[in-house]
Protein backbone atom coordinates (compact mmCIF):
# COMPACT_ATOMS: atom_id res chain seq x y z
CA UNK A 1 384.64 -30.30 89.87
CA UNK A 2 383.26 -33.21 87.27
CA UNK A 3 383.12 -36.58 88.49
CA UNK A 4 383.18 -39.07 85.88
CA UNK A 5 380.17 -41.78 86.21
CA UNK A 6 382.76 -44.72 87.43
CA UNK A 7 384.80 -43.04 89.81
CA UNK A 8 381.66 -41.49 91.32
CA UNK A 9 380.00 -45.18 92.31
CA UNK A 10 383.28 -46.74 93.22
CA UNK A 11 383.89 -43.98 95.59
CA UNK A 12 380.31 -44.37 96.53
CA UNK A 13 380.88 -48.38 97.55
CA UNK A 14 383.79 -47.50 98.77
CA UNK A 15 382.72 -45.64 101.58
CA UNK A 16 379.13 -47.84 102.04
CA UNK A 17 381.93 -50.81 102.63
CA UNK A 18 383.69 -48.72 104.82
CA UNK A 19 381.00 -47.98 107.04
CA UNK A 20 380.12 -51.82 107.13
CA UNK A 21 383.82 -52.77 107.79
CA UNK A 22 383.22 -50.46 110.76
CA UNK A 23 380.32 -52.69 112.01
CA UNK A 24 382.53 -55.99 111.54
CA UNK A 25 385.32 -54.31 113.79
CA UNK A 26 383.10 -53.51 116.45
CA UNK A 27 381.44 -56.90 116.65
CA UNK A 28 384.65 -58.77 116.33
CA UNK A 29 386.70 -56.73 118.94
CA UNK A 30 383.69 -55.83 121.60
CA UNK A 31 383.62 -57.43 125.23
CA UNK A 32 379.84 -57.07 126.39
CA UNK A 33 377.59 -59.38 124.50
CA UNK A 34 374.66 -56.70 123.86
CA UNK A 35 377.23 -55.28 121.26
CA UNK A 36 379.09 -58.28 120.03
CA UNK A 37 375.53 -60.92 119.97
CA UNK A 38 372.75 -58.22 119.66
CA UNK A 39 374.13 -55.86 117.56
CA UNK A 40 373.00 -53.03 119.86
CA UNK A 41 375.35 -49.77 117.92
CA UNK A 42 375.36 -48.32 114.64
CA UNK A 43 378.47 -46.73 112.30
CA UNK A 44 378.71 -43.98 110.20
CA UNK A 45 380.87 -41.05 107.94
CA UNK A 46 379.92 -37.74 107.80
CA UNK A 47 381.85 -34.90 105.63
CA UNK A 48 383.99 -32.41 107.13
CA UNK A 49 381.16 -29.84 108.13
CA UNK A 50 378.92 -33.05 110.13
CA UNK A 51 376.87 -34.16 107.15
CA UNK A 52 375.75 -37.33 106.86
CA UNK A 53 377.76 -39.20 104.17
CA UNK A 54 377.49 -42.83 104.84
CA UNK A 55 376.14 -45.37 107.17
CA UNK A 56 375.98 -49.00 107.90
CA UNK A 57 372.76 -51.47 108.12
CA UNK A 58 372.33 -50.97 111.82
CA UNK A 59 369.58 -49.22 114.14
CA UNK A 60 367.25 -46.95 112.96
CA UNK A 61 366.61 -44.79 115.61
CA UNK A 62 370.76 -44.59 115.98
CA UNK A 63 371.84 -43.70 112.29
CA UNK A 64 369.16 -40.92 112.24
CA UNK A 65 370.25 -39.62 115.92
CA UNK A 66 373.87 -39.29 113.87
CA UNK A 67 372.95 -37.21 111.30
CA UNK A 68 373.02 -34.23 114.01
CA UNK A 69 375.80 -35.64 115.89
CA UNK A 70 378.65 -34.05 114.40
CA UNK A 71 377.05 -31.17 113.52
CA UNK A 72 375.96 -30.45 117.37
CA UNK A 73 379.79 -31.64 117.97
CA UNK A 74 381.32 -28.99 116.43
CA UNK A 75 378.61 -26.29 117.78
CA UNK A 76 380.13 -26.57 120.75
CA UNK A 77 384.13 -27.95 119.52
CA UNK A 78 385.64 -25.36 117.42
CA UNK A 79 386.96 -27.15 114.10
CA UNK A 80 390.30 -25.36 114.56
CA UNK A 81 390.45 -26.85 117.95
CA UNK A 82 389.99 -30.55 116.32
CA UNK A 83 393.67 -32.24 115.30
CA UNK A 84 394.72 -34.92 113.36
CA UNK A 85 394.43 -38.56 115.90
CA UNK A 86 391.93 -36.90 118.34
CA UNK A 87 389.04 -39.03 119.91
CA UNK A 88 386.01 -37.36 120.87
CA UNK A 89 383.38 -38.87 123.63
CA UNK A 90 379.89 -38.02 124.33
CA UNK A 91 376.56 -39.03 125.06
CA UNK A 92 375.28 -36.04 125.78
CA UNK A 93 371.60 -36.32 124.78
CA UNK A 94 371.69 -32.35 123.75
CA UNK A 95 375.06 -32.91 121.49
CA UNK A 96 372.54 -34.81 118.68
CA UNK A 97 371.58 -37.62 121.12
CA UNK A 98 369.13 -39.98 122.08
CA UNK A 99 369.74 -41.36 125.70
CA UNK A 100 372.67 -41.80 127.72
CA UNK A 101 373.75 -45.31 127.54
CA UNK A 102 374.40 -44.70 123.72
CA UNK A 103 377.71 -43.25 123.98
CA UNK A 104 379.51 -42.26 120.91
CA UNK A 105 383.38 -42.28 119.87
CA UNK A 106 383.53 -39.34 117.31
CA UNK A 107 387.28 -39.59 115.40
CA UNK A 108 388.32 -36.87 112.44
CA UNK A 109 389.57 -38.04 109.30
CA UNK A 110 392.91 -35.47 107.87
CA UNK A 111 394.57 -35.84 104.54
CA UNK A 112 398.10 -33.53 104.55
CA UNK A 113 396.68 -31.87 107.52
CA UNK A 114 393.29 -31.21 105.99
CA UNK A 115 390.10 -32.01 107.33
CA UNK A 116 387.76 -33.80 105.18
CA UNK A 117 385.41 -36.26 107.40
CA UNK A 118 384.54 -37.62 110.68
CA UNK A 119 384.30 -41.40 111.98
CA UNK A 120 381.32 -42.17 114.16
CA UNK A 121 380.60 -45.38 116.44
CA UNK A 122 377.59 -45.51 118.56
CA UNK A 123 377.65 -48.45 121.31
CA UNK A 124 375.34 -48.82 123.71
CA UNK A 125 377.16 -49.22 126.80
CA UNK A 126 375.25 -52.18 129.07
CA UNK A 127 376.14 -49.09 132.10
CA UNK A 128 376.70 -46.17 132.22
CA UNK A 129 376.01 -45.03 136.07
CA UNK A 130 372.96 -43.77 137.53
CA UNK A 131 370.64 -45.51 140.65
CA UNK A 132 370.31 -48.68 139.00
CA UNK A 133 372.54 -51.40 137.30
CA UNK A 134 371.84 -50.84 133.92
CA UNK A 135 371.60 -47.41 134.02
CA UNK A 136 367.21 -47.53 133.70
CA UNK A 137 365.71 -46.00 135.88
CA UNK A 138 361.56 -46.13 135.65
CA UNK A 139 361.64 -43.89 138.87
CA UNK A 140 363.98 -41.52 137.15
CA UNK A 141 362.54 -37.43 137.57
CA UNK A 142 365.56 -36.10 136.17
CA UNK A 143 368.23 -37.47 133.38
CA UNK A 144 371.28 -37.56 136.52
CA UNK A 145 369.11 -40.25 138.08
CA UNK A 146 370.04 -41.50 135.00
CA UNK A 147 373.82 -42.10 134.64
CA UNK A 148 376.68 -40.02 133.84
CA UNK A 149 376.72 -36.98 131.05
CA UNK A 150 379.25 -36.73 129.09
CA UNK A 151 379.67 -33.22 126.91
CA UNK A 152 382.00 -34.13 124.03
CA UNK A 153 386.02 -34.68 125.93
CA UNK A 154 388.70 -35.29 123.81
CA UNK A 155 389.79 -38.77 125.07
CA UNK A 156 393.12 -39.38 122.94
CA UNK A 157 395.42 -37.51 120.97
CA UNK A 158 398.88 -38.40 119.02
CA UNK A 159 399.78 -38.31 122.31
CA UNK A 160 397.94 -41.10 123.12
CA UNK A 161 394.82 -41.72 125.73
CA UNK A 162 394.03 -39.03 127.93
CA UNK A 163 394.18 -41.62 131.30
CA UNK A 164 392.75 -39.03 133.61
CA UNK A 165 389.68 -38.45 131.72
CA UNK A 166 388.92 -42.11 131.40
CA UNK A 167 389.67 -43.30 134.86
CA UNK A 168 387.20 -40.56 135.62
CA UNK A 169 384.40 -42.31 133.06
CA UNK A 170 385.00 -45.59 134.26
CA UNK A 171 384.99 -44.53 137.82
CA UNK A 172 381.31 -43.60 137.45
CA UNK A 173 380.20 -46.95 135.82
CA UNK A 174 379.62 -50.47 136.92
CA UNK A 175 381.92 -52.96 135.06
CA UNK A 176 384.53 -50.88 134.41
CA UNK A 177 386.84 -53.40 132.20
CA UNK A 178 383.86 -54.46 130.23
CA UNK A 179 383.10 -50.67 129.35
CA UNK A 180 386.73 -49.70 128.93
CA UNK A 181 386.98 -53.22 126.16
CA UNK A 182 383.84 -51.44 124.62
CA UNK A 183 385.39 -47.90 124.00
CA UNK A 184 389.04 -49.64 123.00
CA UNK A 185 386.53 -51.10 120.37
CA UNK A 186 384.73 -48.36 119.50
CA UNK A 187 388.38 -46.34 118.91
CA UNK A 188 389.68 -48.89 116.92
CA UNK A 189 386.47 -49.12 114.57
CA UNK A 190 387.09 -45.73 113.91
CA UNK A 191 390.93 -45.75 113.55
CA UNK A 192 390.06 -48.20 110.31
CA UNK A 193 387.53 -45.98 108.93
CA UNK A 194 390.08 -43.26 108.54
CA UNK A 195 392.97 -45.49 107.34
CA UNK A 196 390.27 -46.43 104.77
CA UNK A 197 389.39 -43.13 103.58
CA UNK A 198 392.58 -41.74 103.90
CA UNK A 199 394.07 -44.61 101.30
CA UNK A 200 390.60 -43.49 99.38
CA UNK A 201 391.85 -40.05 98.93
CA UNK A 202 395.51 -40.96 98.18
CA UNK A 203 393.80 -43.08 95.16
CA UNK A 204 391.60 -41.17 93.70
CA UNK A 205 392.76 -37.46 95.25
CA UNK A 206 391.26 -35.24 98.00
CA UNK A 207 389.57 -33.06 95.81
CA UNK A 208 387.57 -35.96 93.73
CA UNK A 209 386.70 -37.81 97.09
CA UNK A 210 385.44 -34.57 98.54
CA UNK A 211 383.28 -33.54 95.68
CA UNK A 212 382.05 -37.19 95.44
CA UNK A 213 380.23 -36.73 98.87
CA UNK A 214 378.90 -33.64 97.81
CA UNK A 215 377.27 -35.47 94.74
CA UNK A 216 376.37 -38.01 96.79
CA UNK A 217 373.88 -35.94 99.20
CA UNK A 218 372.64 -34.06 96.16
CA UNK A 219 371.67 -36.78 94.04
CA UNK A 220 369.82 -37.92 97.24
CA UNK A 221 368.04 -34.96 97.43
CA UNK A 222 366.65 -35.11 94.32
CA UNK A 223 365.38 -39.15 94.39
CA UNK A 224 363.31 -37.86 98.06
CA UNK A 225 362.24 -35.06 96.45
CA UNK A 226 360.98 -37.29 93.25
CA UNK A 227 359.24 -39.65 95.35
CA UNK A 228 357.79 -37.01 97.31
CA UNK A 229 356.07 -35.76 94.41
CA UNK A 230 354.50 -39.10 93.52
CA UNK A 231 352.44 -38.81 97.17
CA UNK A 232 349.22 -37.28 96.99
CA UNK A 233 349.38 -33.40 98.18
CA UNK A 234 347.35 -32.24 101.29
CA UNK A 235 347.58 -32.31 104.94
CA UNK A 236 347.11 -36.04 106.85
CA UNK A 237 346.61 -36.25 111.10
CA UNK A 238 347.66 -39.07 113.25
CA UNK A 239 347.91 -39.79 116.54
CA UNK A 240 349.17 -42.65 119.14
CA UNK A 241 349.64 -43.18 122.40
CA UNK A 242 352.20 -44.11 125.44
CA UNK A 243 350.52 -46.15 128.11
CA UNK A 244 351.39 -44.08 130.34
CA UNK A 245 353.91 -41.38 131.90
CA UNK A 246 356.02 -43.43 134.19
CA UNK A 247 354.67 -41.92 137.03
CA UNK A 248 351.07 -43.15 137.37
CA UNK A 249 349.46 -41.32 134.82
CA UNK A 250 347.23 -41.70 131.77
CA UNK A 251 348.05 -42.65 128.23
CA UNK A 252 350.20 -39.38 126.84
CA UNK A 253 349.20 -38.59 123.55
CA UNK A 254 351.76 -38.43 120.36
CA UNK A 255 349.87 -36.30 117.27
CA UNK A 256 351.92 -35.06 114.18
CA UNK A 257 349.85 -33.16 110.93
CA UNK A 258 351.78 -33.92 107.86
CA UNK A 259 351.50 -31.73 105.05
CA UNK A 260 353.03 -32.95 101.40
CA UNK A 261 353.68 -30.31 99.16
CA UNK A 262 356.01 -29.54 96.03
CA UNK A 263 358.10 -31.93 96.62
CA UNK A 264 358.41 -31.39 100.54
CA UNK A 265 356.84 -32.76 103.88
CA UNK A 266 356.57 -31.21 106.96
CA UNK A 267 355.82 -32.93 110.18
CA UNK A 268 354.37 -30.77 112.60
CA UNK A 269 353.99 -32.36 116.18
CA UNK A 270 352.19 -29.29 117.73
CA UNK A 271 349.08 -31.45 119.09
CA UNK A 272 351.46 -33.43 121.16
CA UNK A 273 351.43 -33.75 125.16
CA UNK A 274 354.01 -31.90 126.91
CA UNK A 275 356.97 -33.11 128.89
CA UNK A 276 356.31 -36.03 131.14
CA UNK A 277 358.37 -36.86 134.60
CA UNK A 278 359.21 -39.90 133.65
CA UNK A 279 361.98 -41.59 131.43
CA UNK A 280 359.62 -41.36 128.25
CA UNK A 281 360.76 -38.01 126.76
CA UNK A 282 362.25 -37.98 123.82
CA UNK A 283 364.89 -34.98 122.61
CA UNK A 284 363.85 -33.69 118.94
CA UNK A 285 366.83 -35.75 118.03
CA UNK A 286 364.56 -38.67 118.03
CA UNK A 287 361.35 -37.36 117.31
CA UNK A 288 363.35 -36.17 113.65
CA UNK A 289 364.74 -39.96 113.35
CA UNK A 290 361.33 -42.10 113.54
CA UNK A 291 360.21 -39.33 111.35
CA UNK A 292 363.24 -39.96 108.50
CA UNK A 293 362.76 -43.52 109.14
CA UNK A 294 359.28 -43.17 107.88
CA UNK A 295 360.19 -40.99 104.79
CA UNK A 296 362.78 -43.21 103.95
CA UNK A 297 360.42 -46.78 104.29
CA UNK A 298 357.23 -44.93 103.17
CA UNK A 299 358.83 -42.89 100.04
CA UNK A 300 362.19 -44.62 98.96
CA UNK A 301 363.54 -47.33 100.98
CA UNK A 302 366.69 -47.72 98.45
CA UNK A 303 367.15 -44.08 98.47
CA UNK A 304 370.55 -43.50 99.97
CA UNK A 305 370.86 -42.32 103.43
CA UNK A 306 372.53 -38.95 103.80
CA UNK A 307 372.07 -35.46 104.73
CA UNK A 308 370.96 -34.79 101.00
CA UNK A 309 368.16 -37.63 101.75
CA UNK A 310 366.46 -35.44 104.46
CA UNK A 311 366.85 -31.93 103.09
CA UNK A 312 362.96 -31.70 101.79
CA UNK A 313 361.62 -33.07 105.31
CA UNK A 314 361.17 -30.77 108.06
CA UNK A 315 359.99 -31.52 111.50
CA UNK A 316 358.35 -28.50 114.24
CA UNK A 317 357.98 -29.49 117.63
CA UNK A 318 357.09 -27.08 120.11
CA UNK A 319 359.38 -26.26 123.25
CA UNK A 320 358.58 -28.23 126.09
CA UNK A 321 356.68 -30.89 124.59
CA UNK A 322 357.38 -34.62 125.26
CA UNK A 323 359.23 -34.90 121.71
CA UNK A 324 361.57 -31.62 122.90
CA UNK A 325 362.43 -31.66 126.49
CA UNK A 326 364.06 -29.47 128.82
CA UNK A 327 367.81 -30.75 128.68
CA UNK A 328 367.58 -32.11 132.89
CA UNK A 329 364.43 -33.98 131.71
CA UNK A 330 364.78 -38.14 132.36
CA UNK A 331 365.09 -39.76 128.33
CA UNK A 332 366.30 -43.12 128.62
CA UNK A 333 362.61 -44.72 127.71
CA UNK A 334 362.27 -42.44 125.04
CA UNK A 335 365.07 -43.73 122.94
CA UNK A 336 363.14 -46.52 121.88
CA UNK A 337 360.22 -45.76 123.14
CA UNK A 338 358.89 -42.67 122.49
CA UNK A 339 360.46 -42.81 119.15
CA UNK A 340 358.19 -45.63 118.18
CA UNK A 341 355.01 -44.28 119.30
CA UNK A 342 356.18 -41.25 116.73
CA UNK A 343 356.44 -43.80 113.88
CA UNK A 344 353.28 -45.13 114.47
CA UNK A 345 351.58 -41.76 114.91
CA UNK A 346 353.36 -41.20 111.03
CA UNK A 347 352.17 -43.91 109.92
CA UNK A 348 348.82 -43.39 110.55
CA UNK A 349 348.79 -40.10 109.10
CA UNK A 350 350.60 -41.68 105.70
CA UNK A 351 348.18 -44.28 105.61
CA UNK A 352 345.52 -41.63 104.70
CA UNK A 353 347.39 -40.62 101.57
CA UNK A 354 349.45 -44.05 100.94
CA UNK A 355 347.44 -47.22 102.51
CA UNK A 356 348.99 -49.64 100.33
CA UNK A 357 352.50 -49.11 101.56
CA UNK A 358 351.18 -49.19 105.61
CA UNK A 359 351.03 -52.22 107.58
CA UNK A 360 349.20 -52.27 110.52
CA UNK A 361 350.54 -51.59 113.71
CA UNK A 362 353.30 -53.75 115.03
CA UNK A 363 355.28 -54.86 118.26
CA UNK A 364 356.41 -51.03 118.87
CA UNK A 365 358.12 -51.56 122.02
CA UNK A 366 362.03 -52.62 122.45
CA UNK A 367 360.09 -54.77 125.46
CA UNK A 368 363.39 -54.59 127.65
CA UNK A 369 364.50 -56.28 130.74
CA UNK A 370 367.84 -55.61 132.51
CA UNK A 371 368.91 -58.55 135.21
CA UNK A 372 372.04 -57.58 137.10
CA UNK A 373 373.16 -59.09 140.33
CA UNK A 374 376.52 -60.74 141.33
CA UNK A 375 377.92 -63.75 139.85
CA UNK A 376 380.53 -64.95 142.64
CA UNK A 377 382.61 -61.67 143.18
CA UNK A 378 382.10 -60.37 139.63
CA UNK A 379 379.29 -58.07 138.92
CA UNK A 380 376.75 -58.65 135.88
CA UNK A 381 374.30 -56.98 133.78
CA UNK A 382 372.02 -58.46 131.07
CA UNK A 383 370.13 -55.94 129.20
CA UNK A 384 367.37 -57.68 126.68
CA UNK A 385 365.33 -56.80 123.78
CA UNK A 386 362.47 -59.03 122.60
CA UNK A 387 360.88 -58.59 119.48
CA UNK A 388 357.02 -59.76 118.32
CA UNK A 389 355.21 -59.63 115.29
CA UNK A 390 354.93 -57.24 112.49
CA UNK A 391 351.77 -55.77 111.15
CA UNK A 392 349.80 -56.94 108.03
CA UNK A 393 350.29 -55.85 105.11
CA UNK A 394 347.98 -55.12 101.66
CA UNK A 395 349.45 -57.70 100.13
CA UNK A 396 351.20 -60.65 102.64
CA UNK A 397 350.79 -61.42 106.51
CA UNK A 398 352.78 -59.55 108.81
CA UNK A 399 356.50 -61.61 109.77
CA UNK A 400 356.45 -63.07 113.52
CA UNK A 401 359.22 -62.89 115.79
CA UNK A 402 360.64 -59.68 114.31
CA UNK A 403 362.40 -56.30 115.75
CA UNK A 404 359.94 -53.40 114.11
CA UNK A 405 360.75 -50.07 112.71
CA UNK A 406 363.13 -47.82 114.83
CA UNK A 407 365.26 -51.27 116.26
CA UNK A 408 366.99 -54.01 114.09
CA UNK A 409 369.06 -55.57 117.01
CA UNK A 410 369.24 -59.28 117.70
CA UNK A 411 368.56 -61.34 120.21
CA UNK A 412 371.56 -62.98 122.78
CA UNK A 413 371.36 -66.43 121.91
CA UNK A 414 370.41 -68.75 124.84
CA UNK A 415 373.71 -70.35 124.72
CA UNK A 416 375.42 -67.13 124.90
CA UNK A 417 373.01 -66.13 127.89
CA UNK A 418 373.29 -68.99 130.13
CA UNK A 419 377.54 -69.48 129.48
CA UNK A 420 378.00 -65.50 130.19
CA UNK A 421 375.22 -65.12 133.27
CA UNK A 422 373.21 -66.66 136.37
CA UNK A 423 370.70 -66.71 134.56
CA UNK A 424 368.79 -70.26 132.36
CA UNK A 425 366.60 -70.14 129.23
CA UNK A 426 363.70 -71.70 129.94
CA UNK A 427 361.64 -71.53 126.77
CA UNK A 428 362.17 -69.50 123.43
CA UNK A 429 359.08 -69.88 121.40
CA UNK A 430 356.54 -67.96 119.53
CA UNK A 431 353.11 -66.60 120.98
CA UNK A 432 349.92 -68.72 119.80
CA UNK A 433 347.18 -66.47 118.82
CA UNK A 434 348.84 -63.43 119.55
CA UNK A 435 348.26 -62.07 116.39
CA UNK A 436 345.66 -59.17 114.91
CA UNK A 437 343.54 -61.42 112.85
CA UNK A 438 342.63 -59.73 109.04
CA UNK A 439 342.87 -60.36 105.48
CA UNK A 440 346.72 -60.43 105.92
CA UNK A 441 347.06 -60.99 109.65
CA UNK A 442 349.50 -59.74 112.22
CA UNK A 443 352.70 -61.64 113.11
CA UNK A 444 353.15 -63.79 116.31
CA UNK A 445 354.54 -62.74 119.28
CA UNK A 446 357.06 -64.28 121.26
CA UNK A 447 357.35 -65.89 124.51
CA UNK A 448 361.02 -66.48 126.41
CA UNK A 449 361.35 -67.12 130.11
CA UNK A 450 364.29 -66.93 132.28
CA UNK A 451 364.88 -68.65 135.37
CA UNK A 452 367.39 -67.09 138.01
CA UNK A 453 370.48 -69.10 139.34
CA UNK A 454 372.04 -66.24 141.40
CA UNK A 455 370.49 -66.55 145.52
CA UNK A 456 369.31 -62.84 144.66
CA UNK A 457 368.89 -60.28 141.44
CA UNK A 458 367.57 -57.75 140.49
CA UNK A 459 365.00 -56.97 137.50
CA UNK A 460 364.14 -53.66 135.52
CA UNK A 461 361.63 -53.51 132.66
CA UNK A 462 360.86 -51.04 130.29
CA UNK A 463 358.13 -52.15 127.84
CA UNK A 464 355.46 -50.71 126.17
CA UNK A 465 351.83 -51.64 124.74
CA UNK A 466 350.97 -52.89 127.71
CA UNK A 467 347.87 -51.53 127.84
CA UNK A 468 347.57 -49.89 124.32
CA UNK A 469 347.46 -52.65 122.01
CA UNK A 470 349.27 -52.87 118.10
CA UNK A 471 346.34 -51.25 115.58
CA UNK A 472 344.67 -53.13 113.53
CA UNK A 473 344.11 -51.21 110.06
CA UNK A 474 341.04 -51.33 107.47
CA UNK A 475 338.88 -53.06 109.49
CA UNK A 476 341.87 -55.69 111.15
CA UNK A 477 341.92 -56.63 114.65
CA UNK A 478 344.84 -55.28 116.93
CA UNK A 479 347.04 -57.47 118.07
CA UNK A 480 347.51 -58.68 121.72
CA UNK A 481 349.37 -56.85 123.92
CA UNK A 482 352.47 -56.90 125.78
CA UNK A 483 352.58 -58.84 129.36
CA UNK A 484 355.37 -59.83 131.23
CA UNK A 485 355.04 -62.40 134.19
CA UNK A 486 357.21 -63.14 137.24
CA UNK A 487 356.74 -66.64 138.42
CA UNK A 488 357.58 -67.74 141.66
CA UNK A 489 356.74 -70.78 143.99
CA UNK A 490 354.00 -71.80 141.19
CA UNK A 491 352.36 -68.45 141.38
CA UNK A 492 351.73 -66.29 138.53
CA UNK A 493 352.08 -62.52 138.96
CA UNK A 494 351.73 -59.58 136.40
CA UNK A 495 355.03 -57.36 136.43
CA UNK A 496 354.28 -53.53 134.97
CA UNK A 497 356.14 -52.20 132.01
CA UNK A 498 358.31 -49.93 133.82
CA UNK A 499 359.07 -51.31 137.66
CA UNK A 500 362.16 -52.80 139.59
CA UNK A 501 361.67 -55.74 141.64
CA UNK A 502 364.54 -57.85 143.87
CA UNK A 503 364.29 -61.58 142.27
CA UNK A 504 365.20 -64.84 144.22
CA UNK A 505 366.93 -68.08 143.13
CA UNK A 506 364.23 -70.18 140.62
CA UNK A 507 362.33 -67.18 140.25
CA UNK A 508 360.84 -67.57 136.29
CA UNK A 509 360.75 -64.30 134.13
CA UNK A 510 358.35 -64.78 131.32
CA UNK A 511 357.84 -62.35 128.62
CA UNK A 512 355.05 -62.54 126.35
CA UNK A 513 355.83 -59.86 123.44
CA UNK A 514 352.50 -58.44 121.25
CA UNK A 515 351.49 -59.70 118.22
CA UNK A 516 350.80 -57.60 115.13
CA UNK A 517 347.36 -55.87 113.94
CA UNK A 518 345.77 -57.07 110.81
CA UNK A 519 345.12 -55.70 107.88
CA UNK A 520 341.35 -55.75 105.86
CA UNK A 521 338.84 -57.80 107.90
CA UNK A 522 339.23 -61.09 109.34
CA UNK A 523 336.33 -62.36 107.17
CA UNK A 524 338.02 -61.65 104.09
CA UNK A 525 340.86 -63.79 104.74
CA UNK A 526 341.05 -67.11 102.48
CA UNK A 527 339.86 -70.25 103.88
CA UNK A 528 342.94 -71.95 102.98
CA UNK A 529 344.73 -69.61 104.70
CA UNK A 530 343.27 -69.87 107.94
CA UNK A 531 343.57 -73.76 107.96
CA UNK A 532 347.40 -72.97 107.30
CA UNK A 533 347.17 -70.80 110.60
CA UNK A 534 345.19 -73.42 112.76
CA UNK A 535 347.89 -76.51 111.06
CA UNK A 536 351.04 -74.63 111.62
CA UNK A 537 349.97 -73.94 115.76
CA UNK A 538 349.33 -69.80 114.93
CA UNK A 539 345.84 -70.08 116.16
CA UNK A 540 343.46 -72.89 117.86
CA UNK A 541 340.51 -74.77 116.26
CA UNK A 542 340.09 -76.99 113.22
CA UNK A 543 341.63 -77.33 110.24
């Protein structure tokens, strides 16, 4: 069917707006501050075959993973068994997943009895069970220590919620009432998206809308191939390292060979380390998601992100690697820590082909702190990721105190932290001197300190870049590493990047995030920019 250009663009804008409306609904409906304040969720639409057609402006690691989710779901759930009014739930890493706290609600969309699309809403639940509150377990040696694994299961149908299934799930997580509220928000988000797609089909006709979906994908494929052909052909190698294996071992290499040829790119991770004992393994879907992000960032940030955008990209990972582990491997930190190592390795490879498009190393860690305990009679779990400095670029300095690459969450405001949890935010500032010097310096990291107001609490850390600094590029210097401190009775003690410890009243936990690496030699930096750095307090010295 031929679709006229005006209708095509109206439908394109329509599905994009639906994905954005999904975001707005979840923010307004969710109960956990992690969702309604920090925005740790993502929304997307696929066609009836599970091929991505639209996504919100959410979190890259989620959105890349959701390109696989419905396709893997349909391999396990026969399409003929899916009915109007169904809602399915899954967090299984094998179903196009990443880690257990990221729970996906999947809703099929029918028009006149015909399945035409799926709405997907992924939300990070602050707890999904497991050995520790918050479901981050640095000492986990299998996935079962990290929480409840939910294979695709129907939680609602035309008859309403399946209460026995929901009770089974909520009996195995902490904060039952809040988790149920978040799940209801996910279901409402998908329901509105379904209604909007149906309205669009009634306006333009089902066949027109379905054909538009196909056109979106074909156009993105053409645009991506065109951009890839503009890159120098060849094979380029890159590597980066995890600080350790989360079990006391040495740094863990992530290696990639990128081959660019005939409008396509292949990413071969054959040189990457094997599966590790600690929870920094990453699923093959996470690794592919990181690759997809890099390709869009380098080749075409404005290319609509859908299934067609990724057709020219292939990813090869040997079974048993840290990026393709066994199904029972612990993976909770691999979602946002190891994925960032993939980004760094890929960017270092592509820097050999297009250095002017690459930034130096950034704060590629989520720098997660999880505080848990009781506030009076009620339990609490506070989960916070911390941004840092962006790497310097060929044409500008790095930005300070931002989320870099695969993460796109916001900080929880101090007022919300203090209203919801027995914590006080003592300080929230930039970290002077943390950037890597260069002709274009890296951005500054941040410093944030929390005072414990409960009698006792537990802290879990999950952070990288504590040993291996963000890298400088073309003569630029490295940024400063991540540091986490416990301040107790006036004494200051360094904490590890993967640690669990008990806190008591008036303990202060301070995080100092990385600065970005510099771009080009520091001596090439103009004197007036150096004076600005001194005047603004970015660095000590005389202006």
